Amino acid sequence: MNTAHGAPSALPAWLYWQEATPIDHAEAPTRAAFVERWGAPGLPVKLGGLTDSWPARQRWSMAFFEREHGACEVTVEARTAAGGTRKIRLDDYLATLEAPSEGETWYLKDWVFREQAPALLSVMPTPIDW
C-alpha cells in the first residue's frame, strides 16, 4: 500500500501526485526565481506568460502539427495503472486527443522534436535569462 496516498503500491505515484501536492502558479518568473523556489527543491509549478511573445503561439495548432509533422514517430505512454509505452505517428496520437477511446488515455512522452522537426525551434525562442 502506498501509505502517503492510500493507493495500492502497484499503481504509479503520478496517478496520485496532483491530489497530494499543491501546485503554485507563477507568472513569468525569472530563471533565478524559478530555480530557487521550485527547481532546486523539485516542487511543481504552473508557469504562465513565458511564451506570450513566441510566434509559435499564433502558428501552432492541432491541424498544423497533423499537417506539418504528422508522420513523425513519437512515443506515447498509457495513463493507466498498467502503464506501458508504444510508438505511433504523431497524427495518430493527435487523433486520440480529438476523439479519445473510452478507458484509453495516452501521454506524449519524450518527443525530441529538435531531431525530427528542428524548424519548430525557430518560432519558440528561449528567453535570454533562461
C-alpha atoms as a PDB file:
ATOM      1  CA  MET A   1       0.000   0.000   0.000  1.00  0.00           C
ATOM      2  CA  ASN A   2       1.255   3.481  -0.874  1.00  0.00           C
ATOM      3  CA  THR A   3       0.686   4.915   2.601  1.00  0.00           C
ATOM      4  CA  ALA A   4       1.128   8.544   1.598  1.00  0.00           C
ATOM      5  CA  HIS A   5      -1.891   8.389  -0.705  1.00  0.00           C
ATOM      6  CA  GLY A   6      -3.720   5.236   0.313  1.00  0.00           C
ATOM      7  CA  ALA A   7      -3.099   3.766  -3.147  1.00  0.00           C
ATOM      8  CA  PRO A   8      -2.123   0.206  -3.952  1.00  0.00           C
ATOM      9  CA  SER A   9       1.639   0.018  -4.458  1.00  0.00           C
ATOM     10  CA  ALA A  10       1.121  -1.443  -7.959  1.00  0.00           C
ATOM     11  CA  LEU A  11      -0.206   1.923  -9.135  1.00  0.00           C
ATOM     12  CA  PRO A  12       2.291   4.577 -10.229  1.00  0.00           C
ATOM     13  CA  ALA A  13       2.721   7.529  -7.877  1.00  0.00           C
ATOM     14  CA  TRP A  14       1.965  10.060 -10.641  1.00  0.00           C
ATOM     15  CA  LEU A  15      -1.677   8.929 -10.605  1.00  0.00           C
ATOM     16  CA  TYR A  16      -1.973  10.472  -7.127  1.00  0.00           C
ATOM     17  CA  TRP A  17       0.545  13.277  -7.323  1.00  0.00           C
ATOM     18  CA  GLN A  18      -1.864  16.065  -8.284  1.00  0.00           C
ATOM     19  CA  GLU A  19      -4.250  15.249  -5.440  1.00  0.00           C
ATOM     20  CA  ALA A  20      -1.482  15.199  -2.828  1.00  0.00           C
ATOM     21  CA  THR A  21       0.729  18.100  -3.903  1.00  0.00           C
ATOM     22  CA  PRO A  22      -0.462  21.711  -4.049  1.00  0.00           C
ATOM     23  CA  ILE A  23       0.724  23.357  -7.255  1.00  0.00           C
ATOM     24  CA  ASP A  24       1.814  27.010  -7.280  1.00  0.00           C
ATOM     25  CA  HIS A  25       1.194  29.315 -10.233  1.00  0.00           C
ATOM     26  CA  ALA A  26       3.881  31.789 -11.286  1.00  0.00           C
ATOM     27  CA  GLU A  27       3.541  34.414 -13.986  1.00  0.00           C
ATOM     28  CA  ALA A  28       6.807  34.765 -15.977  1.00  0.00           C
ATOM     29  CA  PRO A  29       9.312  34.214 -13.152  1.00  0.00           C
ATOM     30  CA  THR A  30      12.978  34.886 -13.776  1.00  0.00           C
ATOM     31  CA  ARG A  31      15.222  31.866 -14.113  1.00  0.00           C
ATOM     32  CA  ALA A  32      16.813  32.600 -10.743  1.00  0.00           C
ATOM     33  CA  ALA A  33      13.417  32.824  -9.024  1.00  0.00           C
ATOM     34  CA  PHE A  34      12.257  29.601 -10.687  1.00  0.00           C
ATOM     35  CA  VAL A  35      15.375  27.675  -9.642  1.00  0.00           C
ATOM     36  CA  GLU A  36      15.262  28.948  -6.053  1.00  0.00           C
ATOM     37  CA  ARG A  37      11.526  28.464  -5.416  1.00  0.00           C
ATOM     38  CA  TRP A  38      10.628  25.388  -7.496  1.00  0.00           C
ATOM     39  CA  GLY A  39      13.560  23.956  -9.467  1.00  0.00           C
ATOM     40  CA  ALA A  40      16.084  23.253  -6.706  1.00  0.00           C
ATOM     41  CA  PRO A  41      13.521  21.866  -4.251  1.00  0.00           C
ATOM     42  CA  GLY A  42      11.828  19.891  -7.049  1.00  0.00           C
ATOM     43  CA  LEU A  43       8.374  21.384  -6.491  1.00  0.00           C
ATOM     44  CA  PRO A  44       5.659  21.515  -9.158  1.00  0.00           C
ATOM     45  CA  VAL A  45       4.598  24.867 -10.602  1.00  0.00           C
ATOM     46  CA  LYS A  46       2.335  26.050 -13.407  1.00  0.00           C
ATOM     47  CA  LEU A  47       4.205  28.708 -15.370  1.00  0.00           C
ATOM     48  CA  GLY A  48       2.400  31.451 -17.236  1.00  0.00           C
ATOM     49  CA  GLY A  49       3.447  34.286 -19.508  1.00  0.00           C
ATOM     50  CA  LEU A  50       6.755  32.814 -20.673  1.00  0.00           C
ATOM     51  CA  THR A  51       5.614  32.144 -24.242  1.00  0.00           C
ATOM     52  CA  ASP A  52       3.307  35.118 -24.850  1.00  0.00           C
ATOM     53  CA  SER A  53       5.624  36.690 -27.447  1.00  0.00           C
ATOM     54  CA  TRP A  54       6.506  33.478 -29.294  1.00  0.00           C
ATOM     55  CA  PRO A  55       5.439  33.318 -32.956  1.00  0.00           C
ATOM     56  CA  ALA A  56       4.514  29.691 -32.269  1.00  0.00           C
ATOM     57  CA  ARG A  57       1.521  30.883 -30.243  1.00  0.00           C
ATOM     58  CA  GLN A  58      -0.112  32.094 -33.469  1.00  0.00           C
ATOM     59  CA  ARG A  59       1.168  29.353 -35.806  1.00  0.00           C
ATOM     60  CA  TRP A  60       0.788  26.136 -33.873  1.00  0.00           C
ATOM     61  CA  SER A  61      -2.463  24.219 -33.717  1.00  0.00           C
ATOM     62  CA  MET A  62      -3.534  20.594 -33.830  1.00  0.00           C
ATOM     63  CA  ALA A  63      -4.117  20.977 -37.584  1.00  0.00           C
ATOM     64  CA  PHE A  64      -0.620  22.452 -38.024  1.00  0.00           C
ATOM     65  CA  PHE A  65       1.049  19.502 -36.280  1.00  0.00           C
ATOM     66  CA  GLU A  66      -1.072  16.964 -38.154  1.00  0.00           C
ATOM     67  CA  ARG A  67      -0.256  18.605 -41.498  1.00  0.00           C
ATOM     68  CA  GLU A  68       3.407  19.517 -40.979  1.00  0.00           C
ATOM     69  CA  HIS A  69       4.689  16.833 -38.607  1.00  0.00           C
ATOM     70  CA  GLY A  70       2.078  14.075 -38.575  1.00  0.00           C
ATOM     71  CA  ALA A  71       4.469  11.471 -39.989  1.00  0.00           C
ATOM     72  CA  CYS A  72       6.920  11.863 -37.079  1.00  0.00           C
ATOM     73  CA  GLU A  73       7.166   8.764 -34.927  1.00  0.00           C
ATOM     74  CA  VAL A  74       6.577   9.538 -31.255  1.00  0.00           C
ATOM     75  CA  THR A  75       6.455   7.565 -28.023  1.00  0.00           C
ATOM     76  CA  VAL A  76       3.263   7.630 -26.004  1.00  0.00           C
ATOM     77  CA  GLU A  77       2.705   6.300 -22.505  1.00  0.00           C
ATOM     78  CA  ALA A  78      -0.525   4.781 -21.231  1.00  0.00           C
ATOM     79  CA  ARG A  79      -2.118   6.748 -18.406  1.00  0.00           C
ATOM     80  CA  THR A  80      -3.381   3.617 -16.679  1.00  0.00           C
ATOM     81  CA  ALA A  81      -2.258   1.510 -13.756  1.00  0.00           C
ATOM     82  CA  ALA A  82      -0.739  -0.969 -16.209  1.00  0.00           C
ATOM     83  CA  GLY A  83       1.327   1.780 -17.850  1.00  0.00           C
ATOM     84  CA  GLY A  84       3.400   0.890 -20.881  1.00  0.00           C
ATOM     85  CA  THR A  85       4.644   2.770 -23.911  1.00  0.00           C
ATOM     86  CA  ARG A  86       4.290   2.397 -27.649  1.00  0.00           C
ATOM     87  CA  LYS A  87       5.493   4.194 -30.763  1.00  0.00           C
ATOM     88  CA  ILE A  88       2.930   5.747 -33.084  1.00  0.00           C
ATOM     89  CA  ARG A  89       2.739   8.521 -35.666  1.00  0.00           C
ATOM     90  CA  LEU A  90       2.132  11.989 -34.265  1.00  0.00           C
ATOM     91  CA  ASP A  91      -1.029  12.421 -36.346  1.00  0.00           C
ATOM     92  CA  ASP A  92      -2.423   9.179 -34.897  1.00  0.00           C
ATOM     93  CA  TYR A  93      -1.680  10.405 -31.376  1.00  0.00           C
ATOM     94  CA  LEU A  94      -3.380  13.744 -32.071  1.00  0.00           C
ATOM     95  CA  ALA A  95      -6.433  11.881 -33.361  1.00  0.00           C
ATOM     96  CA  THR A  96      -6.703  10.128 -29.977  1.00  0.00           C
ATOM     97  CA  LEU A  97      -6.814  13.542 -28.298  1.00  0.00           C
ATOM     98  CA  GLU A  98      -9.611  14.745 -30.570  1.00  0.00           C
ATOM     99  CA  ALA A  99     -11.669  11.543 -30.167  1.00  0.00           C
ATOM    100  CA  PRO A 100     -10.432   9.586 -27.147  1.00  0.00           C
ATOM    101  CA  SER A 101     -11.343   5.930 -26.759  1.00  0.00           C
ATOM    102  CA  GLU A 102     -13.117   5.046 -23.564  1.00  0.00           C
ATOM    103  CA  GLY A 103     -10.648   3.737 -20.993  1.00  0.00           C
ATOM    104  CA  GLU A 104      -7.591   4.578 -23.107  1.00  0.00           C
ATOM    105  CA  THR A 105      -5.638   7.745 -22.407  1.00  0.00           C
ATOM    106  CA  TRP A 106      -2.137   8.366 -23.767  1.00  0.00           C
ATOM    107  CA  TYR A 107       0.525  10.912 -22.869  1.00  0.00           C
ATOM    108  CA  LEU A 108       3.112  12.156 -25.388  1.00  0.00           C
ATOM    109  CA  LYS A 109       6.422  11.161 -23.842  1.00  0.00           C
ATOM    110  CA  ASP A 110       9.947  12.407 -24.508  1.00  0.00           C
ATOM    111  CA  TRP A 111       9.427  13.675 -28.065  1.00  0.00           C
ATOM    112  CA  VAL A 112      12.803  15.114 -29.080  1.00  0.00           C
ATOM    113  CA  PHE A 113      11.320  17.315 -31.772  1.00  0.00           C
ATOM    114  CA  ARG A 114      14.587  19.158 -32.372  1.00  0.00           C
ATOM    115  CA  GLU A 115      15.753  15.970 -34.102  1.00  0.00           C
ATOM    116  CA  GLN A 116      12.579  15.196 -36.094  1.00  0.00           C
ATOM    117  CA  ALA A 117      11.222  18.718 -36.596  1.00  0.00           C
ATOM    118  CA  PRO A 118      14.016  21.236 -35.937  1.00  0.00           C
ATOM    119  CA  ALA A 119      12.116  24.054 -37.684  1.00  0.00           C
ATOM    120  CA  LEU A 120       9.857  24.222 -34.625  1.00  0.00           C
ATOM    121  CA  LEU A 121      12.710  25.783 -32.667  1.00  0.00           C
ATOM    122  CA  SER A 122      12.712  28.876 -34.886  1.00  0.00           C
ATOM    123  CA  VAL A 123       9.324  30.019 -33.560  1.00  0.00           C
ATOM    124  CA  MET A 124       9.944  29.318 -29.873  1.00  0.00           C
ATOM    125  CA  PRO A 125      12.931  31.385 -28.773  1.00  0.00           C
ATOM    126  CA  THR A 126      14.347  30.768 -25.313  1.00  0.00           C
ATOM    127  CA  PRO A 127      14.332  33.905 -23.147  1.00  0.00           C
ATOM    128  CA  ILE A 128      17.845  35.282 -22.680  1.00  0.00           C
ATOM    129  CA  ASP A 129      17.932  34.748 -18.899  1.00  0.00           C
ATOM    130  CA  TRP A 130      16.802  31.104 -19.201  1.00  0.00           C
END
